[in-house]
Amino acid sequence: MGGMGLLGLLPLVTRFRGGWVIALLIVGFMLFGGLGGLGGMFGDSGETTTTSAPLAGHKTDDKKAQFVAFVLDDTQATWRQELAKIGKTYRNAKLVMFTGATETACGNGQAATGPFYCPTDERVYIDLSFYDELEKRFGAKGDFAQAYVIAHEIGHHVQNQLGISSKVHNARAAQQRGEEGLSVRLELQADCFAGIWAHDSEQKQLLDPGDIDEALTAAAAIGDDRLQRQSGGRVNPESWTHGSSAQRSRWFKTGYERGSVDACDTFAAAAP
């Protein structure tokens, strides 16, 4: 990223559209001692950041929260631009940072499930402790590995706006299962959409050497086949919901190299 990673960009984010989100967050941390004092501060304007439990007193969490909010804002700036190219208006997602558990419009959200997107309330939910697990358990280190996760969830938000998610969820259950099922294809497309953001970041000269490798490592680390091996079970493609390590890495790289929505058609017959 021009000699510094995404974390190093935090003091400079006002150069980006919507950079005021980070500026307000930094002020909020100084005045209120963490995100817990900012509940509802942003109302319904754009990238709302809330939390179900205070993060005050944890400087590491404060830094992570600032980073997550910056990546969310920059990813959404990319998608405003991308959807405008195809004649559509992007509608901002909102961010909820929580600890332990939180109520969502999709039910009770648990930290154990990792970051997730709820299409009903159009919010991305993240327990910041997930990033420790991403590094320690899955071996995916670096700020861009963390950024990939956020960009993937925003990818689901884009799918929701384009009507892709509802088509998949309304399909017959048998069509959604397995290595080539619609569920896997939906997840792989979100990986490809995350790659589009990485492509845009490179165009803005924000990438450091090694950033893309960090994202590819993260994508591979959470492939269904690798997770099944880690759990001590056999690899069973018929039970996959997100795709293999190779598939996830390949589709992120496709989005990164091609930088277009058309390149992310994971629903084509032989796509996976």
C-alpha atoms as a PDB file:
ATOM      1  CA  MET A   1       0.000   0.000   0.000  1.00  0.00           C
ATOM      2  CA  GLY A   2       2.459   2.552  -1.166  1.00  0.00           C
ATOM      3  CA  GLY A   3       4.922   1.440   1.484  1.00  0.00           C
ATOM      4  CA  MET A   4       2.421   0.955   4.295  1.00  0.00           C
ATOM      5  CA  GLY A   5      -0.343  -1.518   5.045  1.00  0.00           C
ATOM      6  CA  LEU A   6      -3.999  -0.683   5.553  1.00  0.00           C
ATOM      7  CA  LEU A   7      -3.454  -0.065   9.246  1.00  0.00           C
ATOM      8  CA  GLY A   8      -0.880   2.569   8.390  1.00  0.00           C
ATOM      9  CA  LEU A   9      -3.448   4.375   6.254  1.00  0.00           C
ATOM     10  CA  LEU A  10      -5.771   5.212   9.133  1.00  0.00           C
ATOM     11  CA  PRO A  11      -4.445   8.754   9.692  1.00  0.00           C
ATOM     12  CA  LEU A  12      -4.928   9.433   5.981  1.00  0.00           C
ATOM     13  CA  VAL A  13      -8.403   8.086   5.381  1.00  0.00           C
ATOM     14  CA  THR A  14      -9.994  11.485   4.931  1.00  0.00           C
ATOM     15  CA  ARG A  15      -8.622  11.329   1.389  1.00  0.00           C
ATOM     16  CA  PHE A  16     -11.297   8.742   0.601  1.00  0.00           C
ATOM     17  CA  ARG A  17     -14.968   9.254   0.054  1.00  0.00           C
ATOM     18  CA  GLY A  18     -16.729   8.632   3.335  1.00  0.00           C
ATOM     19  CA  GLY A  19     -13.490   9.010   5.293  1.00  0.00           C
ATOM     20  CA  TRP A  20     -15.444  10.973   7.901  1.00  0.00           C
ATOM     21  CA  VAL A  21     -16.523   7.632   9.389  1.00  0.00           C
ATOM     22  CA  ILE A  22     -13.008   6.955  10.616  1.00  0.00           C
ATOM     23  CA  ALA A  23     -12.538  10.511  11.780  1.00  0.00           C
ATOM     24  CA  LEU A  24     -15.674  10.226  13.910  1.00  0.00           C
ATOM     25  CA  LEU A  25     -14.587   6.859  15.221  1.00  0.00           C
ATOM     26  CA  ILE A  26     -11.237   8.236  16.350  1.00  0.00           C
ATOM     27  CA  VAL A  27     -12.924  11.163  18.068  1.00  0.00           C
ATOM     28  CA  GLY A  28     -15.408   8.745  19.617  1.00  0.00           C
ATOM     29  CA  PHE A  29     -12.664   6.598  21.045  1.00  0.00           C
ATOM     30  CA  MET A  30     -11.055   9.642  22.661  1.00  0.00           C
ATOM     31  CA  LEU A  31     -14.280  11.047  24.082  1.00  0.00           C
ATOM     32  CA  PHE A  32     -16.212   7.937  24.981  1.00  0.00           C
ATOM     33  CA  GLY A  33     -13.511   5.336  25.584  1.00  0.00           C
ATOM     34  CA  GLY A  34     -14.445   2.931  22.801  1.00  0.00           C
ATOM     35  CA  LEU A  35     -17.244   1.906  20.508  1.00  0.00           C
ATOM     36  CA  GLY A  36     -19.513   1.059  23.413  1.00  0.00           C
ATOM     37  CA  GLY A  37     -20.150   4.776  23.896  1.00  0.00           C
ATOM     38  CA  LEU A  38     -21.024   5.302  20.253  1.00  0.00           C
ATOM     39  CA  GLY A  39     -24.195   3.239  20.006  1.00  0.00           C
ATOM     40  CA  GLY A  40     -26.479   4.871  17.440  1.00  0.00           C
ATOM     41  CA  MET A  41     -24.158   7.849  17.068  1.00  0.00           C
ATOM     42  CA  PHE A  42     -24.306   7.721  13.273  1.00  0.00           C
ATOM     43  CA  GLY A  43     -28.059   7.208  12.968  1.00  0.00           C
ATOM     44  CA  ASP A  44     -28.984   5.835   9.548  1.00  0.00           C
ATOM     45  CA  SER A  45     -26.476   7.766   7.475  1.00  0.00           C
ATOM     46  CA  GLY A  46     -24.312   5.448   5.426  1.00  0.00           C
ATOM     47  CA  GLU A  47     -21.819   3.247   7.225  1.00  0.00           C
ATOM     48  CA  THR A  48     -23.225   2.929  10.733  1.00  0.00           C
ATOM     49  CA  THR A  49     -20.935   1.291  13.275  1.00  0.00           C
ATOM     50  CA  THR A  50     -22.478  -0.143  16.431  1.00  0.00           C
ATOM     51  CA  THR A  51     -21.620  -2.770  19.005  1.00  0.00           C
ATOM     52  CA  SER A  52     -23.536  -4.992  21.359  1.00  0.00           C
ATOM     53  CA  ALA A  53     -20.882  -4.835  24.070  1.00  0.00           C
ATOM     54  CA  PRO A  54     -18.312  -2.202  25.063  1.00  0.00           C
ATOM     55  CA  LEU A  55     -14.824  -2.550  23.667  1.00  0.00           C
ATOM     56  CA  ALA A  56     -13.494   0.166  25.934  1.00  0.00           C
ATOM     57  CA  GLY A  57     -10.192  -0.345  27.658  1.00  0.00           C
ATOM     58  CA  HIS A  58      -8.824  -2.661  24.956  1.00  0.00           C
ATOM     59  CA  LYS A  59      -6.420  -0.665  22.828  1.00  0.00           C
ATOM     60  CA  THR A  60      -5.874  -3.583  20.462  1.00  0.00           C
ATOM     61  CA  ASP A  61      -9.621  -3.864  19.862  1.00  0.00           C
ATOM     62  CA  ASP A  62      -9.841  -0.106  19.329  1.00  0.00           C
ATOM     63  CA  LYS A  63      -7.227  -0.334  16.596  1.00  0.00           C
ATOM     64  CA  LYS A  64      -8.952  -3.319  15.009  1.00  0.00           C
ATOM     65  CA  ALA A  65     -12.299  -1.517  15.130  1.00  0.00           C
ATOM     66  CA  GLN A  66     -10.850   1.474  13.320  1.00  0.00           C
ATOM     67  CA  PHE A  67      -9.339  -0.834  10.722  1.00  0.00           C
ATOM     68  CA  VAL A  68     -12.572  -2.767  10.161  1.00  0.00           C
ATOM     69  CA  ALA A  69     -14.553   0.461   9.765  1.00  0.00           C
ATOM     70  CA  PHE A  70     -12.038   1.824   7.272  1.00  0.00           C
ATOM     71  CA  VAL A  71     -12.078  -1.337   5.149  1.00  0.00           C
ATOM     72  CA  LEU A  72     -15.883  -1.396   5.205  1.00  0.00           C
ATOM     73  CA  ASP A  73     -16.051   2.206   4.048  1.00  0.00           C
ATOM     74  CA  ASP A  74     -13.481   1.754   1.287  1.00  0.00           C
ATOM     75  CA  THR A  75     -15.093  -1.479   0.078  1.00  0.00           C
ATOM     76  CA  GLN A  76     -18.459   0.244  -0.169  1.00  0.00           C
ATOM     77  CA  ALA A  77     -16.897   3.117  -2.107  1.00  0.00           C
ATOM     78  CA  THR A  78     -15.680   0.533  -4.619  1.00  0.00           C
ATOM     79  CA  TRP A  79     -19.158  -0.967  -4.967  1.00  0.00           C
ATOM     80  CA  ARG A  80     -20.846   2.408  -5.411  1.00  0.00           C
ATOM     81  CA  GLN A  81     -18.546   2.819  -8.377  1.00  0.00           C
ATOM     82  CA  GLU A  82     -18.956  -0.718  -9.723  1.00  0.00           C
ATOM     83  CA  LEU A  83     -22.753  -0.815  -9.553  1.00  0.00           C
ATOM     84  CA  ALA A  84     -22.947   2.611 -11.169  1.00  0.00           C
ATOM     85  CA  LYS A  85     -21.190   1.064 -14.182  1.00  0.00           C
ATOM     86  CA  ILE A  86     -24.131  -1.289 -14.687  1.00  0.00           C
ATOM     87  CA  GLY A  87     -26.770   1.340 -14.028  1.00  0.00           C
ATOM     88  CA  LYS A  88     -27.542   0.452 -10.419  1.00  0.00           C
ATOM     89  CA  THR A  89     -27.346   2.419  -7.182  1.00  0.00           C
ATOM     90  CA  TYR A  90     -25.442   0.862  -4.316  1.00  0.00           C
ATOM     91  CA  ARG A  91     -27.137   0.899  -0.938  1.00  0.00           C
ATOM     92  CA  ASN A  92     -24.767   0.990   2.029  1.00  0.00           C
ATOM     93  CA  ALA A  93     -24.514  -1.928   4.410  1.00  0.00           C
ATOM     94  CA  LYS A  94     -24.091  -1.253   8.113  1.00  0.00           C
ATOM     95  CA  LEU A  95     -21.544  -2.698  10.464  1.00  0.00           C
ATOM     96  CA  VAL A  96     -22.103  -4.249  13.875  1.00  0.00           C
ATOM     97  CA  MET A  97     -19.043  -5.064  15.969  1.00  0.00           C
ATOM     98  CA  PHE A  98     -19.957  -7.236  18.927  1.00  0.00           C
ATOM     99  CA  THR A  99     -18.473  -9.523  21.541  1.00  0.00           C
ATOM    100  CA  GLY A 100     -19.828 -12.958  22.356  1.00  0.00           C
ATOM    101  CA  ALA A 101     -23.334 -12.795  20.923  1.00  0.00           C
ATOM    102  CA  THR A 102     -25.814 -10.311  19.516  1.00  0.00           C
ATOM    103  CA  GLU A 103     -29.390 -10.262  18.255  1.00  0.00           C
ATOM    104  CA  THR A 104     -29.856  -9.860  14.517  1.00  0.00           C
ATOM    105  CA  ALA A 105     -32.790  -9.838  12.132  1.00  0.00           C
ATOM    106  CA  CYS A 106     -31.563 -13.290  11.075  1.00  0.00           C
ATOM    107  CA  GLY A 107     -31.609 -14.674  14.626  1.00  0.00           C
ATOM    108  CA  ASN A 108     -29.062 -14.820  17.411  1.00  0.00           C
ATOM    109  CA  GLY A 109     -25.543 -14.148  16.162  1.00  0.00           C
ATOM    110  CA  GLN A 110     -22.710 -16.056  17.829  1.00  0.00           C
ATOM    111  CA  ALA A 111     -19.000 -15.278  17.762  1.00  0.00           C
ATOM    112  CA  ALA A 112     -18.384 -18.983  17.095  1.00  0.00           C
ATOM    113  CA  THR A 113     -19.894 -18.662  13.620  1.00  0.00           C
ATOM    114  CA  GLY A 114     -17.350 -16.044  12.544  1.00  0.00           C
ATOM    115  CA  PRO A 115     -18.209 -12.856  10.630  1.00  0.00           C
ATOM    116  CA  PHE A 116     -21.519 -13.001   8.790  1.00  0.00           C
ATOM    117  CA  TYR A 117     -23.948 -10.928   6.753  1.00  0.00           C
ATOM    118  CA  CYS A 118     -27.678 -10.741   7.458  1.00  0.00           C
ATOM    119  CA  PRO A 119     -29.645  -9.839   4.293  1.00  0.00           C
ATOM    120  CA  THR A 120     -32.773  -8.984   6.275  1.00  0.00           C
ATOM    121  CA  ASP A 121     -31.235  -6.019   8.108  1.00  0.00           C
ATOM    122  CA  GLU A 122     -28.367  -5.506   5.612  1.00  0.00           C
ATOM    123  CA  ARG A 123     -25.731  -5.562   8.335  1.00  0.00           C
ATOM    124  CA  VAL A 124     -22.295  -7.137   8.556  1.00  0.00           C
ATOM    125  CA  TYR A 125     -21.632  -8.644  11.989  1.00  0.00           C
ATOM    126  CA  ILE A 126     -18.081  -9.076  13.257  1.00  0.00           C
ATOM    127  CA  ASP A 127     -16.714 -10.215  16.597  1.00  0.00           C
ATOM    128  CA  LEU A 128     -13.188  -8.810  16.572  1.00  0.00           C
ATOM    129  CA  SER A 129     -11.830 -11.873  18.373  1.00  0.00           C
ATOM    130  CA  PHE A 130     -12.304 -13.740  15.090  1.00  0.00           C
ATOM    131  CA  TYR A 131      -9.160 -12.133  13.748  1.00  0.00           C
ATOM    132  CA  ASP A 132      -7.085 -13.710  16.498  1.00  0.00           C
ATOM    133  CA  GLU A 133      -8.532 -17.077  15.524  1.00  0.00           C
ATOM    134  CA  LEU A 134      -7.882 -16.387  11.842  1.00  0.00           C
ATOM    135  CA  GLU A 135      -4.196 -15.931  12.599  1.00  0.00           C
ATOM    136  CA  LYS A 136      -3.648 -18.501  15.359  1.00  0.00           C
ATOM    137  CA  ARG A 137      -5.906 -21.334  14.245  1.00  0.00           C
ATOM    138  CA  PHE A 138      -5.880 -20.897  10.489  1.00  0.00           C
ATOM    139  CA  GLY A 139      -2.435 -19.360  10.018  1.00  0.00           C
ATOM    140  CA  ALA A 140      -3.787 -16.437   7.982  1.00  0.00           C
ATOM    141  CA  LYS A 141      -1.706 -13.469   9.089  1.00  0.00           C
ATOM    142  CA  GLY A 142      -1.651  -9.836   8.023  1.00  0.00           C
ATOM    143  CA  ASP A 143      -4.038  -6.940   7.704  1.00  0.00           C
ATOM    144  CA  PHE A 144      -5.090  -7.839   4.168  1.00  0.00           C
ATOM    145  CA  ALA A 145      -6.160 -11.296   5.310  1.00  0.00           C
ATOM    146  CA  GLN A 146      -8.492  -9.509   7.713  1.00  0.00           C
ATOM    147  CA  ALA A 147      -9.616  -7.107   4.993  1.00  0.00           C
ATOM    148  CA  TYR A 148     -10.495 -10.018   2.701  1.00  0.00           C
ATOM    149  CA  VAL A 149     -12.995 -11.294   5.273  1.00  0.00           C
ATOM    150  CA  ILE A 150     -14.808  -7.945   5.380  1.00  0.00           C
ATOM    151  CA  ALA A 151     -14.793  -7.607   1.596  1.00  0.00           C
ATOM    152  CA  HIS A 152     -16.268 -11.116   1.307  1.00  0.00           C
ATOM    153  CA  GLU A 153     -19.190 -10.176   3.583  1.00  0.00           C
ATOM    154  CA  ILE A 154     -19.801  -6.991   1.598  1.00  0.00           C
ATOM    155  CA  GLY A 155     -19.799  -9.268  -1.447  1.00  0.00           C
ATOM    156  CA  HIS A 156     -22.866 -10.939   0.053  1.00  0.00           C
ATOM    157  CA  HIS A 157     -24.446  -7.508   0.461  1.00  0.00           C
ATOM    158  CA  VAL A 158     -23.885  -6.838  -3.245  1.00  0.00           C
ATOM    159  CA  GLN A 159     -25.461 -10.209  -4.086  1.00  0.00           C
ATOM    160  CA  ASN A 160     -28.437  -9.258  -1.949  1.00  0.00           C
ATOM    161  CA  GLN A 161     -28.914  -6.000  -3.835  1.00  0.00           C
ATOM    162  CA  LEU A 162     -28.584  -7.689  -7.219  1.00  0.00           C
ATOM    163  CA  GLY A 163     -31.223 -10.277  -6.277  1.00  0.00           C
ATOM    164  CA  ILE A 164     -28.760 -13.167  -6.538  1.00  0.00           C
ATOM    165  CA  SER A 165     -29.040 -14.263  -2.906  1.00  0.00           C
ATOM    166  CA  SER A 166     -32.829 -14.570  -2.978  1.00  0.00           C
ATOM    167  CA  LYS A 167     -32.716 -16.757  -6.100  1.00  0.00           C
ATOM    168  CA  VAL A 168     -30.286 -19.129  -4.399  1.00  0.00           C
ATOM    169  CA  HIS A 169     -32.219 -19.249  -1.134  1.00  0.00           C
ATOM    170  CA  ASN A 170     -35.490 -19.849  -2.975  1.00  0.00           C
ATOM    171  CA  ALA A 171     -34.082 -22.737  -4.991  1.00  0.00           C
ATOM    172  CA  ARG A 172     -34.757 -26.345  -4.012  1.00  0.00           C
ATOM    173  CA  ALA A 173     -32.589 -27.600  -1.153  1.00  0.00           C
ATOM    174  CA  ALA A 174     -31.096 -30.318  -3.363  1.00  0.00           C
ATOM    175  CA  GLN A 175     -29.760 -27.659  -5.734  1.00  0.00           C
ATOM    176  CA  GLN A 176     -27.939 -25.874  -2.929  1.00  0.00           C
ATOM    177  CA  ARG A 177     -25.848 -28.761  -1.615  1.00  0.00           C
ATOM    178  CA  GLY A 178     -22.430 -30.066  -2.516  1.00  0.00           C
ATOM    179  CA  GLU A 179     -19.260 -29.069  -4.305  1.00  0.00           C
ATOM    180  CA  GLU A 180     -21.109 -27.603  -7.285  1.00  0.00           C
ATOM    181  CA  GLY A 181     -24.264 -26.590  -5.449  1.00  0.00           C
ATOM    182  CA  LEU A 182     -25.727 -23.102  -5.425  1.00  0.00           C
ATOM    183  CA  SER A 183     -24.572 -22.435  -1.851  1.00  0.00           C
ATOM    184  CA  VAL A 184     -20.931 -22.982  -2.823  1.00  0.00           C
ATOM    185  CA  ARG A 185     -21.350 -20.910  -5.971  1.00  0.00           C
ATOM    186  CA  LEU A 186     -22.819 -18.049  -3.930  1.00  0.00           C
ATOM    187  CA  GLU A 187     -19.866 -18.094  -1.544  1.00  0.00           C
ATOM    188  CA  LEU A 188     -17.329 -18.295  -4.356  1.00  0.00           C
ATOM    189  CA  GLN A 189     -18.928 -15.302  -6.025  1.00  0.00           C
ATOM    190  CA  ALA A 190     -18.571 -13.342  -2.772  1.00  0.00           C
ATOM    191  CA  ASP A 191     -14.868 -14.284  -2.838  1.00  0.00           C
ATOM    192  CA  CYS A 192     -14.649 -13.038  -6.420  1.00  0.00           C
ATOM    193  CA  PHE A 193     -16.390  -9.797  -5.423  1.00  0.00           C
ATOM    194  CA  ALA A 194     -13.811  -9.391  -2.640  1.00  0.00           C
ATOM    195  CA  GLY A 195     -11.183  -9.694  -5.352  1.00  0.00           C
ATOM    196  CA  ILE A 196     -12.810  -6.827  -7.257  1.00  0.00           C
ATOM    197  CA  TRP A 197     -12.225  -4.602  -4.225  1.00  0.00           C
ATOM    198  CA  ALA A 198      -8.585  -5.742  -4.131  1.00  0.00           C
ATOM    199  CA  HIS A 199      -8.313  -4.845  -7.826  1.00  0.00           C
ATOM    200  CA  ASP A 200      -9.689  -1.378  -7.113  1.00  0.00           C
ATOM    201  CA  SER A 201      -7.273  -0.993  -4.182  1.00  0.00           C
ATOM    202  CA  GLU A 202      -4.383  -1.740  -6.515  1.00  0.00           C
ATOM    203  CA  GLN A 203      -5.653   0.839  -8.991  1.00  0.00           C
ATOM    204  CA  LYS A 204      -5.546   3.369  -6.145  1.00  0.00           C
ATOM    205  CA  GLN A 205      -1.995   2.226  -5.320  1.00  0.00           C
ATOM    206  CA  LEU A 206      -2.973   1.042  -1.866  1.00  0.00           C
ATOM    207  CA  LEU A 207      -1.466  -2.432  -1.983  1.00  0.00           C
ATOM    208  CA  ASP A 208       1.796  -3.487  -0.379  1.00  0.00           C
ATOM    209  CA  PRO A 209       3.840  -6.362  -1.760  1.00  0.00           C
ATOM    210  CA  GLY A 210       2.414  -9.495  -0.186  1.00  0.00           C
ATOM    211  CA  ASP A 211      -1.115  -8.161   0.408  1.00  0.00           C
ATOM    212  CA  ILE A 212      -2.699 -10.377  -2.234  1.00  0.00           C
ATOM    213  CA  ASP A 213      -0.798 -13.383  -0.920  1.00  0.00           C
ATOM    214  CA  GLU A 214      -2.271 -12.673   2.529  1.00  0.00           C
ATOM    215  CA  ALA A 215      -5.792 -12.675   1.092  1.00  0.00           C
ATOM    216  CA  LEU A 216      -5.160 -15.865  -0.894  1.00  0.00           C
ATOM    217  CA  THR A 217      -3.810 -17.546   2.235  1.00  0.00           C
ATOM    218  CA  ALA A 218      -6.921 -16.521   4.166  1.00  0.00           C
ATOM    219  CA  ALA A 219      -9.229 -17.770   1.408  1.00  0.00           C
ATOM    220  CA  ALA A 220      -7.422 -21.117   1.309  1.00  0.00           C
ATOM    221  CA  ALA A 221      -7.371 -21.393   5.110  1.00  0.00           C
ATOM    222  CA  ILE A 222     -11.157 -21.456   5.359  1.00  0.00           C
ATOM    223  CA  GLY A 223     -11.894 -23.791   2.462  1.00  0.00           C
ATOM    224  CA  ASP A 224     -14.331 -26.578   3.331  1.00  0.00           C
ATOM    225  CA  ASP A 225     -11.821 -29.330   2.549  1.00  0.00           C
ATOM    226  CA  ARG A 226      -9.165 -27.843   4.799  1.00  0.00           C
ATOM    227  CA  LEU A 227     -11.614 -27.287   7.646  1.00  0.00           C
ATOM    228  CA  GLN A 228     -12.776 -30.893   7.378  1.00  0.00           C
ATOM    229  CA  ARG A 229      -9.187 -32.136   7.544  1.00  0.00           C
ATOM    230  CA  GLN A 230      -8.486 -29.915  10.551  1.00  0.00           C
ATOM    231  CA  SER A 231     -11.460 -31.345  12.382  1.00  0.00           C
ATOM    232  CA  GLY A 232     -10.133 -34.846  11.859  1.00  0.00           C
ATOM    233  CA  GLY A 233     -12.888 -35.922   9.513  1.00  0.00           C
ATOM    234  CA  ARG A 234     -12.758 -37.080   5.917  1.00  0.00           C
ATOM    235  CA  VAL A 235     -13.131 -34.653   3.061  1.00  0.00           C
ATOM    236  CA  ASN A 236     -16.749 -34.848   1.906  1.00  0.00           C
ATOM    237  CA  PRO A 237     -17.529 -32.531  -1.031  1.00  0.00           C
ATOM    238  CA  GLU A 238     -21.233 -33.369  -0.791  1.00  0.00           C
ATOM    239  CA  SER A 239     -21.394 -31.479   2.517  1.00  0.00           C
ATOM    240  CA  TRP A 240     -19.566 -28.360   1.325  1.00  0.00           C
ATOM    241  CA  THR A 241     -21.219 -24.962   1.703  1.00  0.00           C
ATOM    242  CA  HIS A 242     -18.380 -22.544   0.865  1.00  0.00           C
ATOM    243  CA  GLY A 243     -16.050 -24.343  -1.531  1.00  0.00           C
ATOM    244  CA  SER A 244     -12.586 -25.853  -1.374  1.00  0.00           C
ATOM    245  CA  SER A 245      -9.405 -23.961  -0.581  1.00  0.00           C
ATOM    246  CA  ALA A 246      -8.428 -24.074  -4.249  1.00  0.00           C
ATOM    247  CA  GLN A 247     -11.827 -22.802  -5.385  1.00  0.00           C
ATOM    248  CA  ARG A 248     -11.903 -19.934  -2.909  1.00  0.00           C
ATOM    249  CA  SER A 249      -8.387 -18.808  -3.766  1.00  0.00           C
ATOM    250  CA  ARG A 250      -9.032 -19.094  -7.499  1.00  0.00           C
ATOM    251  CA  TRP A 251     -12.195 -17.020  -7.452  1.00  0.00           C
ATOM    252  CA  PHE A 252     -10.675 -14.303  -5.286  1.00  0.00           C
ATOM    253  CA  LYS A 253      -7.788 -14.148  -7.743  1.00  0.00           C
ATOM    254  CA  THR A 254     -10.218 -13.986 -10.683  1.00  0.00           C
ATOM    255  CA  GLY A 255     -11.918 -10.940  -9.201  1.00  0.00           C
ATOM    256  CA  TYR A 256      -8.567  -9.355  -8.441  1.00  0.00           C
ATOM    257  CA  GLU A 257      -7.140  -9.927 -11.914  1.00  0.00           C
ATOM    258  CA  ARG A 258     -10.256  -9.141 -13.943  1.00  0.00           C
ATOM    259  CA  GLY A 259     -11.867  -6.473 -11.772  1.00  0.00           C
ATOM    260  CA  SER A 260     -15.366  -6.841 -13.212  1.00  0.00           C
ATOM    261  CA  VAL A 261     -18.704  -8.232 -12.087  1.00  0.00           C
ATOM    262  CA  ASP A 262     -19.075 -10.158 -15.348  1.00  0.00           C
ATOM    263  CA  ALA A 263     -15.918 -12.136 -14.531  1.00  0.00           C
ATOM    264  CA  CYS A 264     -17.522 -13.394 -11.318  1.00  0.00           C
ATOM    265  CA  ASP A 265     -20.226 -15.574 -12.846  1.00  0.00           C
ATOM    266  CA  THR A 266     -19.709 -18.589 -10.603  1.00  0.00           C
ATOM    267  CA  PHE A 267     -23.154 -19.829 -11.618  1.00  0.00           C
ATOM    268  CA  ALA A 268     -22.036 -20.705 -15.141  1.00  0.00           C
ATOM    269  CA  ALA A 269     -22.318 -24.449 -15.732  1.00  0.00           C
ATOM    270  CA  ALA A 270     -18.638 -25.353 -15.302  1.00  0.00           C
ATOM    271  CA  ALA A 271     -17.610 -22.431 -13.096  1.00  0.00           C
ATOM    272  CA  PRO A 272     -16.485 -24.162  -9.874  1.00  0.00           C
END
